[in-house]
Amino acid sequence: MSDFIAKLISLLNYLGGLITPWLSEVATAIIACCLVVFGADINRFLRRYFAGRSFLLRTSIFVIVNAFGYGLMIIHLSPLLAQYMAKIPAHWLFVLVVAIFFAIGSWAQRNRQV
């Protein structure tokens, strides 16, 4: 049994090592996927919150949030996420990345975005 566990950890280390050079891109993909999945909810909330306000204010908020807000989130959160992910051991890194993408995908599936 311990031989199986050692081989499994070795395989996960290898797979995590393949991800490590691409942490910046993986972090950007995670943030972008989260924004795609949760962006509709954020926009729906803003639409309800600013309902009845002037067209100019609603349009300005929409542009600020969608053009600048989401872009700034990607630019600033991706390197931060990559730094945190770089501190995780390789075998856990692979498991974490797979789990995050499955969680995002299942959330999208549950909310009928897939």
C-alpha atoms as a PDB file:
ATOM      1  CA  MET A   1       0.000   0.000   0.000  1.00  0.00           C
ATOM      2  CA  SER A   2       2.777   2.466   0.866  1.00  0.00           C
ATOM      3  CA  ASP A   3       4.441   1.687  -2.479  1.00  0.00           C
ATOM      4  CA  PHE A   4       1.234   2.744  -4.230  1.00  0.00           C
ATOM      5  CA  ILE A   5       1.079   5.961  -2.220  1.00  0.00           C
ATOM      6  CA  ALA A   6       4.728   6.720  -2.990  1.00  0.00           C
ATOM      7  CA  LYS A   7       4.105   6.230  -6.717  1.00  0.00           C
ATOM      8  CA  LEU A   8       0.977   8.372  -6.559  1.00  0.00           C
ATOM      9  CA  ILE A   9       2.834  11.191  -4.816  1.00  0.00           C
ATOM     10  CA  SER A  10       5.650  10.867  -7.346  1.00  0.00           C
ATOM     11  CA  LEU A  11       3.146  11.161 -10.213  1.00  0.00           C
ATOM     12  CA  LEU A  12       1.456  14.169  -8.597  1.00  0.00           C
ATOM     13  CA  ASN A  13       4.879  15.796  -8.053  1.00  0.00           C
ATOM     14  CA  TYR A  14       5.667  15.288 -11.733  1.00  0.00           C
ATOM     15  CA  LEU A  15       2.315  16.727 -12.854  1.00  0.00           C
ATOM     16  CA  GLY A  16       2.651  19.645 -10.424  1.00  0.00           C
ATOM     17  CA  GLY A  17       6.128  20.292 -11.806  1.00  0.00           C
ATOM     18  CA  LEU A  18       4.622  20.584 -15.276  1.00  0.00           C
ATOM     19  CA  ILE A  19       2.241  23.286 -14.029  1.00  0.00           C
ATOM     20  CA  THR A  20       4.830  25.278 -12.080  1.00  0.00           C
ATOM     21  CA  PRO A  21       6.414  27.125 -15.047  1.00  0.00           C
ATOM     22  CA  TRP A  22       2.931  28.191 -16.161  1.00  0.00           C
ATOM     23  CA  LEU A  23       1.639  29.494 -12.823  1.00  0.00           C
ATOM     24  CA  SER A  24       1.123  33.005 -14.128  1.00  0.00           C
ATOM     25  CA  GLU A  25      -1.034  31.758 -16.990  1.00  0.00           C
ATOM     26  CA  VAL A  26      -2.897  29.294 -14.770  1.00  0.00           C
ATOM     27  CA  ALA A  27      -3.645  32.045 -12.238  1.00  0.00           C
ATOM     28  CA  THR A  28      -4.884  34.326 -15.019  1.00  0.00           C
ATOM     29  CA  ALA A  29      -7.114  31.534 -16.329  1.00  0.00           C
ATOM     30  CA  ILE A  30      -8.557  30.936 -12.860  1.00  0.00           C
ATOM     31  CA  ILE A  31      -9.330  34.610 -12.318  1.00  0.00           C
ATOM     32  CA  ALA A  32     -10.775  34.985 -15.823  1.00  0.00           C
ATOM     33  CA  CYS A  33     -12.965  31.885 -15.415  1.00  0.00           C
ATOM     34  CA  CYS A  34     -14.250  33.183 -12.091  1.00  0.00           C
ATOM     35  CA  LEU A  35     -15.099  36.521 -13.676  1.00  0.00           C
ATOM     36  CA  VAL A  36     -16.905  34.828 -16.549  1.00  0.00           C
ATOM     37  CA  VAL A  37     -18.933  32.673 -14.168  1.00  0.00           C
ATOM     38  CA  PHE A  38     -19.638  35.351 -11.564  1.00  0.00           C
ATOM     39  CA  GLY A  39     -19.728  38.368 -13.905  1.00  0.00           C
ATOM     40  CA  ALA A  40     -23.388  37.855 -14.739  1.00  0.00           C
ATOM     41  CA  ASP A  41     -24.257  37.811 -11.024  1.00  0.00           C
ATOM     42  CA  ILE A  42     -22.220  40.955 -10.394  1.00  0.00           C
ATOM     43  CA  ASN A  43     -23.851  42.755 -13.330  1.00  0.00           C
ATOM     44  CA  ARG A  44     -27.319  41.602 -12.211  1.00  0.00           C
ATOM     45  CA  PHE A  45     -26.658  42.961  -8.717  1.00  0.00           C
ATOM     46  CA  LEU A  46     -25.478  46.305 -10.116  1.00  0.00           C
ATOM     47  CA  ARG A  47     -28.466  46.487 -12.458  1.00  0.00           C
ATOM     48  CA  ARG A  48     -30.861  46.003  -9.522  1.00  0.00           C
ATOM     49  CA  TYR A  49     -28.950  48.377  -7.261  1.00  0.00           C
ATOM     50  CA  PHE A  50     -28.890  51.188  -9.828  1.00  0.00           C
ATOM     51  CA  ALA A  51     -32.375  50.585 -11.236  1.00  0.00           C
ATOM     52  CA  GLY A  52     -34.313  53.805 -11.554  1.00  0.00           C
ATOM     53  CA  ARG A  53     -31.166  55.923 -11.661  1.00  0.00           C
ATOM     54  CA  SER A  54     -30.232  58.027 -14.664  1.00  0.00           C
ATOM     55  CA  PHE A  55     -29.139  56.376 -17.895  1.00  0.00           C
ATOM     56  CA  LEU A  56     -25.803  58.184 -17.750  1.00  0.00           C
ATOM     57  CA  LEU A  57     -25.031  56.891 -14.238  1.00  0.00           C
ATOM     58  CA  ARG A  58     -26.057  53.293 -15.056  1.00  0.00           C
ATOM     59  CA  THR A  59     -24.013  53.319 -18.258  1.00  0.00           C
ATOM     60  CA  SER A  60     -20.986  54.840 -16.517  1.00  0.00           C
ATOM     61  CA  ILE A  61     -21.103  52.240 -13.743  1.00  0.00           C
ATOM     62  CA  PHE A  62     -21.429  49.448 -16.314  1.00  0.00           C
ATOM     63  CA  VAL A  63     -18.404  50.706 -18.259  1.00  0.00           C
ATOM     64  CA  ILE A  64     -16.314  51.261 -15.142  1.00  0.00           C
ATOM     65  CA  VAL A  65     -17.075  47.827 -13.700  1.00  0.00           C
ATOM     66  CA  ASN A  66     -16.846  45.826 -16.929  1.00  0.00           C
ATOM     67  CA  ALA A  67     -14.042  47.598 -18.757  1.00  0.00           C
ATOM     68  CA  PHE A  68     -11.859  48.759 -15.922  1.00  0.00           C
ATOM     69  CA  GLY A  69     -12.950  46.782 -12.862  1.00  0.00           C
ATOM     70  CA  TYR A  70     -12.697  43.319 -14.364  1.00  0.00           C
ATOM     71  CA  GLY A  71      -9.492  44.204 -16.193  1.00  0.00           C
ATOM     72  CA  LEU A  72      -7.889  45.540 -13.024  1.00  0.00           C
ATOM     73  CA  MET A  73      -8.982  42.449 -11.130  1.00  0.00           C
ATOM     74  CA  ILE A  74      -7.279  40.226 -13.697  1.00  0.00           C
ATOM     75  CA  ILE A  75      -4.124  42.352 -13.753  1.00  0.00           C
ATOM     76  CA  HIS A  76      -3.759  42.650  -9.974  1.00  0.00           C
ATOM     77  CA  LEU A  77      -5.182  39.389  -8.658  1.00  0.00           C
ATOM     78  CA  SER A  78      -3.452  37.034 -11.115  1.00  0.00           C
ATOM     79  CA  PRO A  79       0.125  37.735  -9.954  1.00  0.00           C
ATOM     80  CA  LEU A  80      -1.004  37.579  -6.328  1.00  0.00           C
ATOM     81  CA  LEU A  81      -2.680  34.205  -6.888  1.00  0.00           C
ATOM     82  CA  ALA A  82       0.402  32.948  -8.767  1.00  0.00           C
ATOM     83  CA  GLN A  83       2.623  33.945  -5.825  1.00  0.00           C
ATOM     84  CA  TYR A  84       0.439  32.032  -3.378  1.00  0.00           C
ATOM     85  CA  MET A  85       0.283  29.022  -5.686  1.00  0.00           C
ATOM     86  CA  ALA A  86       4.089  29.017  -6.011  1.00  0.00           C
ATOM     87  CA  LYS A  87       4.346  28.342  -2.272  1.00  0.00           C
ATOM     88  CA  ILE A  88       2.280  25.150  -2.497  1.00  0.00           C
ATOM     89  CA  PRO A  89       4.145  21.823  -2.829  1.00  0.00           C
ATOM     90  CA  ALA A  90       4.005  20.443  -6.373  1.00  0.00           C
ATOM     91  CA  HIS A  91       1.860  17.412  -5.561  1.00  0.00           C
ATOM     92  CA  TRP A  92      -0.749  19.587  -3.857  1.00  0.00           C
ATOM     93  CA  LEU A  93      -0.511  22.221  -6.580  1.00  0.00           C
ATOM     94  CA  PHE A  94      -1.716  19.806  -9.223  1.00  0.00           C
ATOM     95  CA  VAL A  95      -4.598  18.637  -7.032  1.00  0.00           C
ATOM     96  CA  LEU A  96      -5.517  22.235  -6.174  1.00  0.00           C
ATOM     97  CA  VAL A  97      -5.544  23.446  -9.790  1.00  0.00           C
ATOM     98  CA  VAL A  98      -7.692  20.533 -10.920  1.00  0.00           C
ATOM     99  CA  ALA A  99     -10.052  21.032  -7.963  1.00  0.00           C
ATOM    100  CA  ILE A 100     -10.399  24.773  -8.644  1.00  0.00           C
ATOM    101  CA  PHE A 101     -11.286  24.247 -12.295  1.00  0.00           C
ATOM    102  CA  PHE A 102     -13.739  21.482 -11.408  1.00  0.00           C
ATOM    103  CA  ALA A 103     -15.332  23.743  -8.785  1.00  0.00           C
ATOM    104  CA  ILE A 104     -15.681  26.598 -11.276  1.00  0.00           C
ATOM    105  CA  GLY A 105     -17.072  24.210 -13.893  1.00  0.00           C
ATOM    106  CA  SER A 106     -19.570  22.656 -11.506  1.00  0.00           C
ATOM    107  CA  TRP A 107     -20.698  26.104 -10.355  1.00  0.00           C
ATOM    108  CA  ALA A 108     -21.215  27.114 -13.987  1.00  0.00           C
ATOM    109  CA  GLN A 109     -23.088  23.873 -14.674  1.00  0.00           C
ATOM    110  CA  ARG A 110     -25.317  24.358 -11.635  1.00  0.00           C
ATOM    111  CA  ASN A 111     -26.136  27.907 -12.738  1.00  0.00           C
ATOM    112  CA  ARG A 112     -26.787  26.800 -16.320  1.00  0.00           C
ATOM    113  CA  GLN A 113     -23.895  28.693 -17.816  1.00  0.00           C
ATOM    114  CA  VAL A 114     -22.493  25.609 -19.529  1.00  0.00           C
END
